[in-house]
């Protein structure tokens, strides 16, 4: 379900220390949106779906979250590919915030005030001691999902791999090109946990400790697929699904490393749960 942000109920911590970052996987229903905050910069990776002409996850969920966090600017908006559940809220965000750069595999879909840059392997930048590396797409594919931008974020506190909707073919290419450079503490699970992704070979190279699944509660696709969840758990990987937990926040602290993930519904369940 969609998280309704209640600013009065939420504690607003300070921005991360240099070298650290905060990852929030938002609950945007069946779709994906994640926010990475460094000390002074903000990146949004994917924007959830547009459900009607008057309702999209950009304005309904992502904008309120950013406003609550006191974030008045998006320094980088990364849109992995053109599926509606990833690009649907982008226009609303571009209208609501100054945006420094737009990086996407579908630049023609986002032409406007900010000229989009195509995702290219080898692109990298550093903010506040945190490194951002684009690892894919590697070669153009007939499958839109396999054209997803793949972003690895790393700092002294740990690393996270954001994969869009890649499936088995793109996973194999990533392993072939990057090998051990894929290793990440946290994996945003490819393609919402579909059975056509999260291949054994890919997981064996990434070796995440925590897998976060961007899948909506009781979604019509049956994501995440039980076989995929089993594949993670057999490797001792902790699995959390945003549709079940609400938004998931994880702090990568440069001194103490990755903190335990905080699930919105677990922390704030008392506001709507009957004892």
Protein backbone atom coordinates (compact mmCIF):
# COMPACT_ATOMS: atom_id res chain seq x y z
CA UNK A 1 0.00 0.00 0.00
CA UNK A 2 0.98 3.64 -0.32
CA UNK A 3 2.57 5.23 2.71
CA UNK A 4 0.88 8.45 3.78
CA UNK A 5 3.63 10.56 5.29
CA UNK A 6 2.65 12.12 8.60
CA UNK A 7 5.27 14.77 9.35
CA UNK A 8 4.02 15.38 12.87
CA UNK A 9 4.71 11.76 13.74
CA UNK A 10 8.14 11.46 12.17
CA UNK A 11 11.48 12.31 13.70
CA UNK A 12 13.71 14.18 11.29
CA UNK A 13 17.36 13.26 11.92
CA UNK A 14 20.31 15.28 10.77
CA UNK A 15 21.94 14.75 7.41
CA UNK A 16 24.57 11.98 7.19
CA UNK A 17 28.18 12.62 8.11
CA UNK A 18 30.70 13.03 5.26
CA UNK A 19 31.45 9.59 3.85
CA UNK A 20 28.06 8.29 4.97
CA UNK A 21 24.63 8.26 3.39
CA UNK A 22 21.01 7.42 4.06
CA UNK A 23 19.06 5.06 1.80
CA UNK A 24 15.26 5.10 1.88
CA UNK A 25 13.28 2.65 -0.21
CA UNK A 26 9.87 4.29 -0.39
CA UNK A 27 6.62 2.34 -0.45
CA UNK A 28 5.14 3.46 -3.77
CA UNK A 29 2.88 0.44 -4.23
CA UNK A 30 3.83 -1.70 -7.21
CA UNK A 31 6.83 0.28 -8.41
CA UNK A 32 10.20 1.59 -7.33
CA UNK A 33 11.55 4.75 -5.81
CA UNK A 34 14.61 5.11 -3.61
CA UNK A 35 16.24 8.20 -2.13
CA UNK A 36 19.96 8.50 -1.34
CA UNK A 37 21.02 11.39 0.89
CA UNK A 38 24.64 12.36 1.47
CA UNK A 39 25.78 15.22 3.68
CA UNK A 40 24.81 17.92 1.18
CA UNK A 41 23.31 16.12 -1.85
CA UNK A 42 20.21 14.14 -2.78
CA UNK A 43 19.66 11.50 -5.44
CA UNK A 44 16.30 9.99 -6.38
CA UNK A 45 16.38 6.63 -8.18
CA UNK A 46 13.11 5.98 -10.03
CA UNK A 47 9.80 7.64 -9.32
CA UNK A 48 7.01 5.07 -9.01
CA UNK A 49 3.92 4.95 -11.22
CA UNK A 50 1.47 7.44 -12.67
CA UNK A 51 -1.96 6.04 -11.88
CA UNK A 52 -4.08 8.74 -13.53
CA UNK A 53 -3.79 12.23 -15.02
CA UNK A 54 -4.17 13.66 -11.54
CA UNK A 55 -2.33 11.12 -9.36
CA UNK A 56 1.22 9.83 -9.43
CA UNK A 57 3.73 8.66 -6.86
CA UNK A 58 6.00 11.63 -7.47
CA UNK A 59 3.53 14.10 -6.01
CA UNK A 60 1.73 11.68 -3.65
CA UNK A 61 4.68 10.02 -1.91
CA UNK A 62 8.13 11.16 -3.04
CA UNK A 63 7.61 14.93 -2.87
CA UNK A 64 6.06 14.84 0.64
CA UNK A 65 8.92 12.66 1.86
CA UNK A 66 11.56 15.00 0.46
CA UNK A 67 9.78 18.07 1.89
CA UNK A 68 9.58 16.43 5.29
CA UNK A 69 13.29 15.72 5.18
CA UNK A 70 13.91 19.39 4.43
CA UNK A 71 15.23 18.63 0.96
CA UNK A 72 14.52 21.49 -1.43
CA UNK A 73 16.55 20.21 -4.38
CA UNK A 74 17.19 16.95 -6.23
CA UNK A 75 20.83 16.93 -7.29
CA UNK A 76 20.42 13.86 -9.49
CA UNK A 77 17.29 12.12 -10.73
CA UNK A 78 18.06 8.66 -12.11
CA UNK A 79 15.25 6.99 -14.05
CA UNK A 80 16.31 3.42 -14.76
CA UNK A 81 14.04 2.81 -17.77
CA UNK A 82 10.72 3.70 -19.31
CA UNK A 83 8.23 1.40 -17.56
CA UNK A 84 5.48 3.45 -15.94
CA UNK A 85 6.12 2.08 -12.45
CA UNK A 86 9.61 3.59 -12.61
CA UNK A 87 9.14 6.77 -14.67
CA UNK A 88 5.54 7.68 -13.80
CA UNK A 89 6.27 10.27 -11.12
CA UNK A 90 9.22 11.93 -12.85
CA UNK A 91 7.35 14.87 -14.39
CA UNK A 92 5.84 15.84 -11.04
CA UNK A 93 9.27 15.87 -9.41
CA UNK A 94 10.78 17.90 -12.25
CA UNK A 95 8.01 20.46 -11.77
CA UNK A 96 8.22 20.49 -7.96
CA UNK A 97 11.99 20.71 -7.42
CA UNK A 98 15.11 22.19 -8.97
CA UNK A 99 16.93 19.19 -10.46
CA UNK A 100 20.67 19.26 -11.09
CA UNK A 101 20.92 16.39 -13.57
CA UNK A 102 18.70 13.69 -15.04
CA UNK A 103 20.33 10.37 -15.89
CA UNK A 104 18.24 7.76 -17.68
CA UNK A 105 18.20 5.00 -20.28
CA UNK A 106 15.27 6.79 -21.98
CA UNK A 107 16.43 10.42 -22.38
CA UNK A 108 13.88 11.04 -25.14
CA UNK A 109 11.08 10.46 -22.61
CA UNK A 110 12.32 13.13 -20.22
CA UNK A 111 13.37 16.00 -22.46
CA UNK A 112 12.59 19.34 -20.84
CA UNK A 113 14.17 22.09 -18.79
CA UNK A 114 16.96 19.74 -17.70
CA UNK A 115 18.66 17.98 -20.61
CA UNK A 116 18.82 14.28 -19.71
CA UNK A 117 22.05 12.30 -19.92
CA UNK A 118 21.98 8.70 -21.12
CA UNK A 119 23.18 6.08 -18.64
CA UNK A 120 26.64 4.91 -19.68
CA UNK A 121 28.85 2.30 -18.08
CA UNK A 122 31.83 4.01 -16.52
CA UNK A 123 30.03 7.20 -15.49
CA UNK A 124 30.90 8.02 -11.90
CA UNK A 125 30.88 10.91 -9.50
CA UNK A 126 31.54 11.57 -5.84
CA UNK A 127 29.51 13.57 -3.33
CA UNK A 128 30.60 14.22 0.24
CA UNK A 129 32.93 11.22 0.25
CA UNK A 130 30.34 8.86 -1.26
CA UNK A 131 30.96 7.32 -4.69
CA UNK A 132 28.31 6.72 -7.37
CA UNK A 133 29.13 4.32 -10.24
CA UNK A 134 26.92 3.44 -13.20
CA UNK A 135 27.52 -0.23 -14.01
CA UNK A 136 24.83 -0.74 -16.64
CA UNK A 137 23.20 -1.07 -19.07
CA UNK A 138 26.14 -2.69 -20.84
CA UNK A 139 24.75 -3.45 -24.31
CA UNK A 140 21.39 -2.38 -25.80
CA UNK A 141 18.72 -5.04 -25.39
CA UNK A 142 15.41 -5.74 -27.07
CA UNK A 143 14.06 -6.15 -23.53
CA UNK A 144 13.35 -2.75 -22.00
CA UNK A 145 13.94 -4.20 -18.54
CA UNK A 146 17.49 -5.19 -19.40
CA UNK A 147 18.22 -1.61 -20.51
CA UNK A 148 17.78 -0.41 -16.92
CA UNK A 149 20.40 1.88 -15.43
CA UNK A 150 22.30 0.03 -12.69
CA UNK A 151 23.85 2.21 -9.97
CA UNK A 152 26.24 1.25 -7.18
CA UNK A 153 26.60 3.62 -4.24
CA UNK A 154 29.53 3.13 -1.88
CA UNK A 155 31.00 4.92 1.09
CA UNK A 156 32.89 4.21 4.28
CA UNK A 157 29.65 2.95 5.83
CA UNK A 158 28.79 0.34 3.19
CA UNK A 159 27.47 -0.15 -0.32
CA UNK A 160 24.15 -0.56 -2.13
CA UNK A 161 23.34 -1.78 -5.64
CA UNK A 162 20.23 -0.39 -7.37
CA UNK A 163 19.20 -2.48 -10.37
CA UNK A 164 15.90 -1.26 -11.82
CA UNK A 165 14.14 -4.09 -13.66
CA UNK A 166 17.11 -6.07 -14.96
CA UNK A 167 16.51 -9.73 -15.68
CA UNK A 168 18.74 -12.77 -16.23
CA UNK A 169 20.40 -11.51 -19.43
CA UNK A 170 21.54 -8.21 -17.96
CA UNK A 171 22.57 -9.90 -14.73
CA UNK A 172 24.87 -12.21 -16.71
CA UNK A 173 26.40 -9.23 -18.53
CA UNK A 174 27.02 -7.43 -15.25
CA UNK A 175 28.77 -10.48 -13.79
CA UNK A 176 30.88 -10.90 -16.93
CA UNK A 177 31.98 -7.25 -17.02
CA UNK A 178 32.22 -6.32 -13.36
CA UNK A 179 32.69 -9.55 -11.40
CA UNK A 180 33.69 -8.86 -7.81
CA UNK A 181 33.08 -5.12 -8.27
CA UNK A 182 29.36 -5.96 -7.97
CA UNK A 183 29.77 -6.94 -4.32
CA UNK A 184 27.43 -4.81 -2.23
CA UNK A 185 26.07 -4.90 1.31
CA UNK A 186 22.54 -4.06 0.20
CA UNK A 187 20.74 -5.05 -3.00
CA UNK A 188 17.57 -3.41 -4.24
CA UNK A 189 16.19 -6.63 -5.70
CA UNK A 190 15.96 -6.66 -9.52
CA UNK A 191 12.54 -6.50 -11.19
CA UNK A 192 10.55 -6.51 -7.96
CA UNK A 193 11.58 -10.09 -7.19
CA UNK A 194 10.31 -11.66 -10.42
CA UNK A 195 11.28 -15.25 -11.22
CA UNK A 196 13.15 -13.99 -14.33
CA UNK A 197 15.74 -12.18 -12.20
CA UNK A 198 17.92 -12.64 -9.09
CA UNK A 199 19.76 -15.53 -10.74
CA UNK A 200 22.02 -17.64 -8.56
CA UNK A 201 25.16 -16.51 -10.38
CA UNK A 202 24.28 -12.85 -9.90
CA UNK A 203 23.58 -13.26 -6.18
CA UNK A 204 26.81 -15.20 -5.70
CA UNK A 205 28.80 -12.22 -7.02
CA UNK A 206 26.82 -9.44 -5.31
CA UNK A 207 26.75 -11.29 -1.95
CA UNK A 208 24.39 -8.84 -0.22
CA UNK A 209 23.65 -9.04 3.48
CA UNK A 210 20.28 -7.36 2.97
CA UNK A 211 17.84 -7.57 0.05
CA UNK A 212 15.12 -4.92 -0.23
CA UNK A 213 12.23 -5.78 -2.54
CA UNK A 214 10.26 -2.91 -4.15
CA UNK A 215 6.96 -4.76 -4.55
CA UNK A 216 3.43 -3.64 -3.72
CA UNK A 217 1.25 -5.35 -1.13
CA UNK A 218 -0.81 -8.15 -2.75
CA UNK A 219 0.24 -6.99 -6.23
CA UNK A 220 -1.35 -8.70 -9.23
CA UNK A 221 1.98 -10.09 -10.47
CA UNK A 222 2.63 -12.16 -7.39
CA UNK A 223 5.94 -10.39 -6.72
CA UNK A 224 8.18 -11.38 -5.08
CA UNK A 225 8.11 -14.91 -6.44
CA UNK A 226 8.50 -17.51 -3.65
CA UNK A 227 11.39 -19.22 -5.46
CA UNK A 228 13.28 -15.92 -5.55
CA UNK A 229 12.73 -15.24 -1.86
CA UNK A 230 13.94 -18.78 -1.14
CA UNK A 231 17.07 -18.16 -3.22
CA UNK A 232 17.98 -15.20 -1.02
CA UNK A 233 17.19 -16.90 2.26
CA UNK A 234 19.19 -20.01 1.36
CA UNK A 235 22.20 -17.71 1.20
CA UNK A 236 21.50 -16.23 4.62
CA UNK A 237 20.40 -12.90 3.14
CA UNK A 238 17.83 -10.89 5.10
CA UNK A 239 14.81 -10.06 2.91
CA UNK A 240 12.41 -7.14 3.40
CA UNK A 241 9.55 -6.13 1.08
CA UNK A 242 8.42 -2.49 1.03
CA UNK A 243 4.79 -3.43 0.41
CA UNK A 244 4.76 -5.36 3.68
CA UNK A 245 6.90 -3.10 5.87
CA UNK A 246 6.25 0.35 4.46
CA UNK A 247 9.23 2.54 3.65
CA UNK A 248 12.60 1.12 4.69
CA UNK A 249 15.42 3.41 5.82
CA UNK A 250 19.03 2.40 6.24
CA UNK A 251 21.90 4.59 7.43
CA UNK A 252 25.46 3.89 6.28
CA UNK A 253 27.57 5.54 8.95
CA UNK A 254 31.25 6.13 8.15
CA UNK A 255 32.28 5.26 11.72
CA UNK A 256 29.98 2.37 12.65
CA UNK A 257 29.01 0.95 9.24
CA UNK A 258 25.53 -0.09 8.19
CA UNK A 259 22.89 0.46 10.84
CA UNK A 260 19.91 -1.86 11.18
CA UNK A 261 17.12 -1.08 8.69
CA UNK A 262 14.13 0.80 10.05
CA UNK A 263 10.71 -0.16 8.67
CA UNK A 264 8.06 2.55 8.76
CA UNK A 265 5.16 0.32 9.77
CA UNK A 266 7.12 -1.34 12.55
CA UNK A 267 8.12 1.97 14.13
CA UNK A 268 4.76 3.69 13.75
CA UNK A 269 2.37 0.73 14.05
CA UNK A 270 1.02 2.07 17.35
CA UNK A 271 -0.70 4.92 15.53
CA UNK A 272 -3.12 2.60 13.75
CA UNK A 273 -2.80 -0.85 15.33
CA UNK A 274 -5.22 -2.12 17.93
CA UNK A 275 -3.34 -3.52 20.97
